[in-house]
Structure formats: structure tokens, C-alpha cells
Amino acid sequence: MCYAEEVRSNDAREALVLSFSYNPATGGYILAEDASGYDLQVLSTEQGWKTHVAGGYYVLQATCPDFLSIRTGISVVVECSGFDIMANFDSNTIKRMCTDYISLYPFALHEMTCFHTGLFFNTMMSCMKIFLPRSLGSKSMLVMSSQLVD
């Protein structure tokens, strides 16, 4: 098995994306994810990062978006139960995802809702906002558990 295949087989995207579908009510897309399969350690390698970026490109191509859906943005719903933030935390990878990865694709983030999160995850999401581009930082980002963070 070559290194690229090994990274792809370990890539979090395979376990992460549950559904990516068009929402005719809003004119945008809804991305449903299961964070329990997400492994930030894979993304810390250059090959893992390239695989993740390429995966986003193919997801974008599969949607065949029109300009209305691009302007409307993506609503992201994330199930976080089973996500071990302590084992997956890597601030450099998170910063790179918030700056480099988000700027690669034309979609705006309409809103992001995370369910069943812990206190450390809520704190991390609040801290992560400093890395977000201004246009993204002003969008709605809810983390739902015992408290809401906006």
C-alpha cells in the first residue's frame, strides 16, 4: 500500500460526512457530519492535508452548485458524541483548516451547530473564532450541550 492510499484509508472524511444535500427551503446545502470519526492527527501530515483538501474538492464537484446556493452558504450539523477532543486536539491543524481550507472553496458558512459537546470542546470552539476570517467569524456558530456558545 502506498503512502497516499494509507492516508486515504485513514482519512477522517470517509467516516466524517454523513450527508451532503441540497435544501430547497433555503437554497443552500446542509452538511451532516459525525465527528467521532474525525482524526486531526492525520491532517497534521502534509499528505494527509492534501488528501483532505482534495476530498473537499470532490464533494464540491459532486454538488454542482449554482450561484444562489454558493451565496446562501452551507449549514453544518455535527454530532460530537464519541469525539475525543483530547486525543485529536492540534491547534496548528485547526488554525490551518480555518484559514487555508475555508478560503479554497467558494461556499460561505451559513451556520454551524454541534450537538453533544463537552466543556473543553465548547472552549476550543470559542478560541477557534480568533482564527476565522471576519466574514466567517460574524456568522452563527452554535455549540449545543449544557451551554450555548455564540
N, C-alpha and C. Protein backbone atom coordinates (compact mmCIF):
# COMPACT_ATOMS: atom_id res chain seq x y z
N MET A 1 0.85 -1.17 0.00
CA MET A 1 0.00 0.00 0.00
C MET A 1 0.90 1.24 0.00
N CYS A 2 0.69 2.15 -0.94
CA CYS A 2 1.50 3.37 -0.97
C CYS A 2 1.01 4.33 0.11
N TYR A 3 1.81 5.34 0.38
CA TYR A 3 1.50 6.27 1.47
C TYR A 3 0.19 7.00 1.24
N ALA A 4 -0.08 7.41 -0.01
CA ALA A 4 -1.32 8.14 -0.31
C ALA A 4 -2.55 7.27 -0.03
N GLU A 5 -2.47 5.98 -0.38
CA GLU A 5 -3.60 5.09 -0.10
C GLU A 5 -3.78 4.89 1.39
N GLU A 6 -2.65 4.82 2.12
CA GLU A 6 -2.72 4.65 3.56
C GLU A 6 -3.39 5.85 4.21
N VAL A 7 -3.00 7.06 3.77
CA VAL A 7 -3.61 8.27 4.32
C VAL A 7 -5.08 8.31 3.97
N ARG A 8 -5.41 7.96 2.70
CA ARG A 8 -6.81 8.00 2.30
C ARG A 8 -7.64 7.00 3.09
N SER A 9 -7.08 5.83 3.37
CA SER A 9 -7.84 4.84 4.12
C SER A 9 -8.03 5.28 5.57
N ASN A 10 -7.10 6.11 6.07
CA ASN A 10 -7.22 6.62 7.43
C ASN A 10 -7.87 7.99 7.47
N ASP A 11 -8.15 8.56 6.31
CA ASP A 11 -8.68 9.91 6.26
C ASP A 11 -10.01 9.99 6.98
N ALA A 12 -10.15 11.04 7.77
CA ALA A 12 -11.36 11.21 8.56
C ALA A 12 -12.59 11.45 7.70
N ARG A 13 -12.41 11.95 6.49
CA ARG A 13 -13.55 12.30 5.65
C ARG A 13 -14.45 11.11 5.38
N GLU A 14 -13.89 9.91 5.26
CA GLU A 14 -14.70 8.73 4.99
C GLU A 14 -15.70 8.47 6.11
N ALA A 15 -15.29 8.69 7.34
CA ALA A 15 -16.17 8.44 8.48
C ALA A 15 -16.91 9.70 8.90
N LEU A 16 -16.47 10.84 8.41
CA LEU A 16 -16.99 12.11 8.88
C LEU A 16 -18.31 12.51 8.23
N VAL A 17 -18.38 12.51 6.91
CA VAL A 17 -19.55 13.03 6.20
C VAL A 17 -20.67 12.00 6.20
N LEU A 18 -21.79 12.38 6.80
CA LEU A 18 -22.97 11.51 6.80
C LEU A 18 -23.87 11.83 5.62
N SER A 19 -24.01 13.12 5.33
CA SER A 19 -24.91 13.55 4.27
C SER A 19 -24.50 14.94 3.80
N PHE A 20 -24.64 15.18 2.52
CA PHE A 20 -24.41 16.50 1.95
C PHE A 20 -25.49 16.69 0.92
N SER A 21 -26.51 17.45 1.26
CA SER A 21 -27.67 17.53 0.38
C SER A 21 -28.16 18.97 0.23
N TYR A 22 -28.89 19.19 -0.84
CA TYR A 22 -29.46 20.49 -1.15
C TYR A 22 -30.73 20.70 -0.33
N ASN A 23 -30.89 21.90 0.20
CA ASN A 23 -32.08 22.25 0.97
C ASN A 23 -32.90 23.24 0.15
N PRO A 24 -33.98 22.79 -0.49
CA PRO A 24 -34.76 23.70 -1.34
C PRO A 24 -35.43 24.83 -0.56
N ALA A 25 -35.63 24.66 0.73
CA ALA A 25 -36.27 25.70 1.53
C ALA A 25 -35.39 26.94 1.66
N THR A 26 -34.08 26.75 1.77
CA THR A 26 -33.17 27.89 1.93
C THR A 26 -32.37 28.19 0.67
N GLY A 27 -32.28 27.22 -0.23
CA GLY A 27 -31.47 27.39 -1.43
C GLY A 27 -30.00 27.09 -1.20
N GLY A 28 -29.67 26.55 -0.03
CA GLY A 28 -28.29 26.21 0.29
C GLY A 28 -28.13 24.72 0.51
N TYR A 29 -26.98 24.34 1.00
CA TYR A 29 -26.68 22.93 1.26
C TYR A 29 -26.58 22.68 2.76
N ILE A 30 -26.89 21.45 3.14
CA ILE A 30 -26.75 21.01 4.53
C ILE A 30 -25.71 19.90 4.56
N LEU A 31 -24.71 20.08 5.39
CA LEU A 31 -23.65 19.09 5.56
C LEU A 31 -23.81 18.49 6.96
N ALA A 32 -24.11 17.20 7.03
CA ALA A 32 -24.23 16.50 8.31
C ALA A 32 -22.98 15.66 8.52
N GLU A 33 -22.37 15.81 9.68
CA GLU A 33 -21.11 15.12 9.97
C GLU A 33 -21.18 14.38 11.29
N ASP A 34 -20.36 13.35 11.41
CA ASP A 34 -20.18 12.62 12.66
C ASP A 34 -18.73 12.80 13.07
N ALA A 35 -18.50 13.62 14.08
CA ALA A 35 -17.13 13.96 14.48
C ALA A 35 -16.39 12.82 15.15
N SER A 36 -17.07 11.74 15.51
CA SER A 36 -16.37 10.64 16.17
C SER A 36 -15.34 9.99 15.25
N GLY A 37 -15.49 10.14 13.95
CA GLY A 37 -14.53 9.58 13.00
C GLY A 37 -13.45 10.56 12.59
N TYR A 38 -13.44 11.74 13.18
CA TYR A 38 -12.51 12.78 12.77
C TYR A 38 -11.18 12.63 13.50
N ASP A 39 -10.09 12.63 12.76
CA ASP A 39 -8.76 12.47 13.33
C ASP A 39 -7.87 13.61 12.85
N LEU A 40 -7.67 14.61 13.69
CA LEU A 40 -6.85 15.76 13.31
C LEU A 40 -5.38 15.39 13.16
N GLN A 41 -4.95 14.31 13.78
CA GLN A 41 -3.55 13.89 13.66
C GLN A 41 -3.21 13.52 12.22
N VAL A 42 -4.18 12.96 11.49
CA VAL A 42 -3.95 12.63 10.07
C VAL A 42 -3.71 13.90 9.27
N LEU A 43 -4.43 14.97 9.62
CA LEU A 43 -4.31 16.22 8.87
C LEU A 43 -3.03 16.97 9.19
N SER A 44 -2.32 16.59 10.24
CA SER A 44 -1.08 17.29 10.58
C SER A 44 0.06 16.93 9.64
N THR A 45 -0.07 15.82 8.89
CA THR A 45 0.94 15.48 7.88
C THR A 45 0.60 16.18 6.57
N GLU A 46 1.60 16.46 5.78
CA GLU A 46 1.37 17.16 4.51
C GLU A 46 0.52 16.32 3.56
N GLN A 47 0.78 15.02 3.51
CA GLN A 47 -0.01 14.14 2.63
C GLN A 47 -1.46 14.04 3.11
N GLY A 48 -1.64 13.97 4.41
CA GLY A 48 -3.00 13.92 4.96
C GLY A 48 -3.76 15.20 4.66
N TRP A 49 -3.06 16.34 4.73
CA TRP A 49 -3.68 17.63 4.43
C TRP A 49 -4.10 17.69 2.96
N LYS A 50 -3.22 17.25 2.06
CA LYS A 50 -3.54 17.27 0.62
C LYS A 50 -4.73 16.36 0.32
N THR A 51 -4.80 15.23 0.98
CA THR A 51 -5.92 14.32 0.78
C THR A 51 -7.22 14.95 1.25
N HIS A 52 -7.18 15.64 2.38
CA HIS A 52 -8.37 16.30 2.93
C HIS A 52 -8.85 17.42 2.00
N VAL A 53 -7.91 18.21 1.50
CA VAL A 53 -8.26 19.30 0.58
C VAL A 53 -8.86 18.74 -0.71
N ALA A 54 -8.26 17.68 -1.24
CA ALA A 54 -8.79 17.06 -2.46
C ALA A 54 -10.18 16.48 -2.22
N GLY A 55 -10.41 15.92 -1.05
CA GLY A 55 -11.73 15.38 -0.73
C GLY A 55 -12.80 16.47 -0.74
N GLY A 56 -12.46 17.64 -0.22
CA GLY A 56 -13.40 18.77 -0.25
C GLY A 56 -13.71 19.20 -1.67
N TYR A 57 -12.71 19.15 -2.55
CA TYR A 57 -12.91 19.50 -3.95
C TYR A 57 -13.91 18.55 -4.61
N TYR A 58 -13.77 17.26 -4.36
CA TYR A 58 -14.67 16.29 -4.98
C TYR A 58 -16.09 16.38 -4.41
N VAL A 59 -16.21 16.71 -3.13
CA VAL A 59 -17.54 16.93 -2.55
C VAL A 59 -18.18 18.13 -3.23
N LEU A 60 -17.41 19.20 -3.43
CA LEU A 60 -17.92 20.40 -4.10
C LEU A 60 -18.35 20.09 -5.53
N GLN A 61 -17.54 19.34 -6.26
CA GLN A 61 -17.88 18.99 -7.63
C GLN A 61 -19.13 18.12 -7.70
N ALA A 62 -19.32 17.26 -6.73
CA ALA A 62 -20.48 16.37 -6.72
C ALA A 62 -21.79 17.13 -6.55
N THR A 63 -21.74 18.29 -5.90
CA THR A 63 -22.97 19.05 -5.66
C THR A 63 -23.42 19.83 -6.88
N CYS A 64 -22.50 20.18 -7.79
CA CYS A 64 -22.82 21.03 -8.94
C CYS A 64 -23.58 22.28 -8.48
N PRO A 65 -22.99 23.08 -7.60
CA PRO A 65 -23.72 24.21 -7.02
C PRO A 65 -23.99 25.33 -8.03
N ASP A 66 -25.09 26.04 -7.81
CA ASP A 66 -25.36 27.23 -8.59
C ASP A 66 -24.96 28.45 -7.73
N PHE A 67 -25.04 29.65 -8.31
CA PHE A 67 -24.58 30.84 -7.58
C PHE A 67 -25.44 31.14 -6.36
N LEU A 68 -26.74 30.85 -6.43
CA LEU A 68 -27.61 31.10 -5.28
C LEU A 68 -27.18 30.25 -4.09
N SER A 69 -26.92 28.96 -4.33
CA SER A 69 -26.54 28.09 -3.21
C SER A 69 -25.16 28.46 -2.67
N ILE A 70 -24.28 28.96 -3.51
CA ILE A 70 -22.96 29.39 -3.04
C ILE A 70 -23.10 30.62 -2.15
N ARG A 71 -23.95 31.58 -2.57
CA ARG A 71 -24.16 32.78 -1.76
C ARG A 71 -24.92 32.47 -0.48
N THR A 72 -25.86 31.55 -0.53
CA THR A 72 -26.64 31.19 0.66
C THR A 72 -25.75 30.57 1.72
N GLY A 73 -24.86 29.70 1.30
CA GLY A 73 -23.91 29.09 2.22
C GLY A 73 -24.34 27.71 2.69
N ILE A 74 -23.44 27.09 3.41
CA ILE A 74 -23.66 25.73 3.91
C ILE A 74 -24.07 25.80 5.37
N SER A 75 -25.07 25.02 5.72
CA SER A 75 -25.44 24.81 7.12
C SER A 75 -24.79 23.50 7.54
N VAL A 76 -23.97 23.54 8.58
CA VAL A 76 -23.26 22.35 9.04
C VAL A 76 -23.86 21.89 10.35
N VAL A 77 -24.19 20.60 10.41
CA VAL A 77 -24.71 19.98 11.63
C VAL A 77 -23.74 18.87 12.00
N VAL A 78 -23.20 18.93 13.22
CA VAL A 78 -22.16 17.99 13.63
C VAL A 78 -22.60 17.26 14.90
N GLU A 79 -22.58 15.94 14.86
CA GLU A 79 -22.81 15.11 16.05
C GLU A 79 -21.45 14.85 16.67
N CYS A 80 -21.25 15.29 17.90
CA CYS A 80 -19.93 15.23 18.54
C CYS A 80 -19.80 14.16 19.60
N SER A 81 -20.84 13.38 19.87
CA SER A 81 -20.68 12.34 20.88
C SER A 81 -19.70 11.30 20.35
N GLY A 82 -18.77 10.90 21.19
CA GLY A 82 -17.75 9.96 20.77
C GLY A 82 -16.50 10.61 20.23
N PHE A 83 -16.50 11.94 20.08
CA PHE A 83 -15.32 12.66 19.61
C PHE A 83 -14.41 12.93 20.79
N ASP A 84 -13.21 12.40 20.76
CA ASP A 84 -12.25 12.58 21.84
C ASP A 84 -11.37 13.78 21.52
N ILE A 85 -11.77 14.94 22.01
CA ILE A 85 -11.06 16.17 21.69
C ILE A 85 -9.64 16.16 22.24
N MET A 86 -9.43 15.52 23.38
CA MET A 86 -8.09 15.50 23.97
C MET A 86 -7.11 14.70 23.10
N ALA A 87 -7.58 13.64 22.47
CA ALA A 87 -6.71 12.84 21.61
C ALA A 87 -6.52 13.48 20.24
N ASN A 88 -7.46 14.34 19.83
CA ASN A 88 -7.43 14.92 18.49
C ASN A 88 -6.98 16.36 18.43
N PHE A 89 -6.80 17.01 19.56
CA PHE A 89 -6.53 18.45 19.55
C PHE A 89 -5.17 18.76 18.96
N ASP A 90 -5.15 19.62 17.97
CA ASP A 90 -3.93 20.10 17.35
C ASP A 90 -4.21 21.52 16.87
N SER A 91 -3.73 22.51 17.60
CA SER A 91 -4.09 23.90 17.30
C SER A 91 -3.60 24.35 15.93
N ASN A 92 -2.44 23.86 15.48
CA ASN A 92 -1.93 24.26 14.16
C ASN A 92 -2.83 23.75 13.04
N THR A 93 -3.31 22.51 13.17
CA THR A 93 -4.20 21.96 12.15
C THR A 93 -5.53 22.70 12.15
N ILE A 94 -6.05 23.00 13.32
CA ILE A 94 -7.32 23.74 13.41
C ILE A 94 -7.16 25.12 12.79
N LYS A 95 -6.05 25.79 13.09
CA LYS A 95 -5.80 27.11 12.51
C LYS A 95 -5.71 27.01 10.98
N ARG A 96 -5.02 26.00 10.50
CA ARG A 96 -4.87 25.82 9.05
C ARG A 96 -6.21 25.53 8.39
N MET A 97 -7.06 24.76 9.04
CA MET A 97 -8.39 24.48 8.49
C MET A 97 -9.22 25.75 8.41
N CYS A 98 -9.11 26.60 9.43
CA CYS A 98 -9.92 27.82 9.48
C CYS A 98 -9.42 28.90 8.53
N THR A 99 -8.16 28.86 8.16
CA THR A 99 -7.64 29.89 7.27
C THR A 99 -7.46 29.37 5.85
N ASP A 100 -6.66 28.34 5.67
CA ASP A 100 -6.34 27.84 4.32
C ASP A 100 -7.50 27.09 3.68
N TYR A 101 -8.07 26.14 4.40
CA TYR A 101 -9.08 25.26 3.82
C TYR A 101 -10.36 26.01 3.47
N ILE A 102 -10.81 26.86 4.37
CA ILE A 102 -12.07 27.58 4.15
C ILE A 102 -11.95 28.54 2.97
N SER A 103 -10.77 29.12 2.77
CA SER A 103 -10.60 30.08 1.68
C SER A 103 -10.48 29.41 0.31
N LEU A 104 -10.31 28.09 0.26
CA LEU A 104 -10.16 27.40 -1.02
C LEU A 104 -11.46 27.25 -1.80
N TYR A 105 -12.57 27.16 -1.10
CA TYR A 105 -13.84 26.84 -1.74
C TYR A 105 -14.79 28.02 -1.63
N PRO A 106 -15.65 28.19 -2.63
CA PRO A 106 -16.47 29.40 -2.69
C PRO A 106 -17.64 29.45 -1.71
N PHE A 107 -17.96 28.36 -1.04
CA PHE A 107 -19.11 28.36 -0.16
C PHE A 107 -18.87 29.20 1.10
N ALA A 108 -19.90 29.90 1.51
CA ALA A 108 -19.88 30.60 2.79
C ALA A 108 -20.47 29.67 3.84
N LEU A 109 -20.13 29.89 5.07
CA LEU A 109 -20.72 29.11 6.16
C LEU A 109 -21.95 29.87 6.64
N HIS A 110 -23.11 29.29 6.44
CA HIS A 110 -24.35 29.92 6.88
C HIS A 110 -24.51 29.77 8.39
N GLU A 111 -24.36 28.57 8.87
CA GLU A 111 -24.40 28.33 10.31
C GLU A 111 -23.78 26.97 10.60
N MET A 112 -23.34 26.82 11.84
CA MET A 112 -22.76 25.55 12.27
C MET A 112 -23.34 25.21 13.63
N THR A 113 -23.88 24.01 13.75
CA THR A 113 -24.47 23.56 15.00
C THR A 113 -23.82 22.25 15.40
N CYS A 114 -23.31 22.20 16.62
CA CYS A 114 -22.66 20.99 17.14
C CYS A 114 -23.47 20.46 18.31
N PHE A 115 -23.79 19.18 18.29
CA PHE A 115 -24.57 18.56 19.35
C PHE A 115 -23.70 17.65 20.21
N HIS A 116 -24.07 17.53 21.48
CA HIS A 116 -23.41 16.63 22.44
C HIS A 116 -21.92 16.91 22.57
N THR A 117 -21.63 18.15 22.91
CA THR A 117 -20.24 18.55 23.09
C THR A 117 -19.92 18.68 24.57
N GLY A 118 -18.65 18.62 24.89
CA GLY A 118 -18.21 18.80 26.27
C GLY A 118 -17.70 20.21 26.50
N LEU A 119 -17.33 20.49 27.73
CA LEU A 119 -16.86 21.81 28.10
C LEU A 119 -15.58 22.19 27.36
N PHE A 120 -14.65 21.25 27.23
CA PHE A 120 -13.39 21.55 26.54
C PHE A 120 -13.64 21.86 25.07
N PHE A 121 -14.56 21.13 24.44
CA PHE A 121 -14.90 21.39 23.04
C PHE A 121 -15.51 22.78 22.89
N ASN A 122 -16.40 23.16 23.81
CA ASN A 122 -17.01 24.49 23.76
C ASN A 122 -15.95 25.57 23.88
N THR A 123 -15.01 25.37 24.80
CA THR A 123 -13.92 26.33 24.98
C THR A 123 -13.06 26.41 23.73
N MET A 124 -12.75 25.27 23.14
CA MET A 124 -11.93 25.24 21.93
C MET A 124 -12.63 25.96 20.79
N MET A 125 -13.93 25.75 20.62
CA MET A 125 -14.67 26.42 19.54
C MET A 125 -14.67 27.93 19.75
N SER A 126 -14.77 28.37 20.99
CA SER A 126 -14.73 29.81 21.27
C SER A 126 -13.36 30.39 20.93
N CYS A 127 -12.31 29.66 21.28
CA CYS A 127 -10.95 30.12 20.98
C CYS A 127 -10.66 30.08 19.49
N MET A 128 -11.27 29.14 18.80
CA MET A 128 -11.03 28.97 17.37
C MET A 128 -11.53 30.16 16.57
N LYS A 129 -12.49 30.90 17.10
CA LYS A 129 -13.06 32.03 16.37
C LYS A 129 -12.02 33.09 16.03
N ILE A 130 -10.92 33.16 16.80
CA ILE A 130 -9.91 34.18 16.51
C ILE A 130 -9.17 33.87 15.21
N PHE A 131 -9.18 32.61 14.77
CA PHE A 131 -8.52 32.24 13.52
C PHE A 131 -9.42 32.42 12.31
N LEU A 132 -10.71 32.56 12.53
CA LEU A 132 -11.66 32.59 11.42
C LEU A 132 -11.58 33.90 10.66
N PRO A 133 -11.78 33.87 9.35
CA PRO A 133 -11.88 35.12 8.59
C PRO A 133 -13.05 35.94 9.12
N ARG A 134 -12.98 37.26 8.96
CA ARG A 134 -14.03 38.14 9.50
C ARG A 134 -15.42 37.74 9.03
N SER A 135 -15.54 37.44 7.75
CA SER A 135 -16.86 37.10 7.21
C SER A 135 -17.41 35.83 7.86
N LEU A 136 -16.53 34.91 8.21
CA LEU A 136 -16.97 33.67 8.83
C LEU A 136 -17.20 33.86 10.32
N GLY A 137 -16.37 34.68 10.96
CA GLY A 137 -16.50 34.91 12.39
C GLY A 137 -17.80 35.59 12.77
N SER A 138 -18.40 36.32 11.84
CA SER A 138 -19.65 37.00 12.14
C SER A 138 -20.87 36.11 11.95
N LYS A 139 -20.66 34.92 11.40
CA LYS A 139 -21.78 34.00 11.17
C LYS A 139 -22.17 33.30 12.45
N SER A 140 -23.31 32.69 12.42
CA SER A 140 -23.81 31.98 13.59
C SER A 140 -23.06 30.67 13.79
N MET A 141 -22.51 30.49 14.97
CA MET A 141 -21.83 29.24 15.30
C MET A 141 -22.31 28.81 16.68
N LEU A 142 -23.15 27.83 16.72
CA LEU A 142 -23.72 27.35 17.98
C LEU A 142 -23.08 26.04 18.37
N VAL A 143 -22.76 25.92 19.62
CA VAL A 143 -22.29 24.66 20.16
C VAL A 143 -23.28 24.28 21.25
N MET A 144 -23.96 23.16 21.06
CA MET A 144 -25.04 22.80 21.97
C MET A 144 -24.64 21.65 22.89
N SER A 145 -24.72 21.90 24.15
CA SER A 145 -24.58 20.86 25.16
C SER A 145 -25.22 21.43 26.41
N SER A 146 -24.47 21.52 27.49
CA SER A 146 -25.03 22.10 28.69
C SER A 146 -25.12 23.61 28.59
N GLN A 147 -24.40 24.18 27.62
CA GLN A 147 -24.46 25.61 27.42
C GLN A 147 -24.31 25.94 25.95
N LEU A 148 -24.71 27.14 25.58
CA LEU A 148 -24.57 27.61 24.21
C LEU A 148 -23.43 28.60 24.14
N VAL A 149 -22.64 28.52 23.10
CA VAL A 149 -21.55 29.46 22.88
C VAL A 149 -21.80 30.11 21.54
N ASP A 150 -21.83 31.43 21.52
CA ASP A 150 -22.04 32.14 20.26
C ASP A 150 -21.00 33.22 20.09
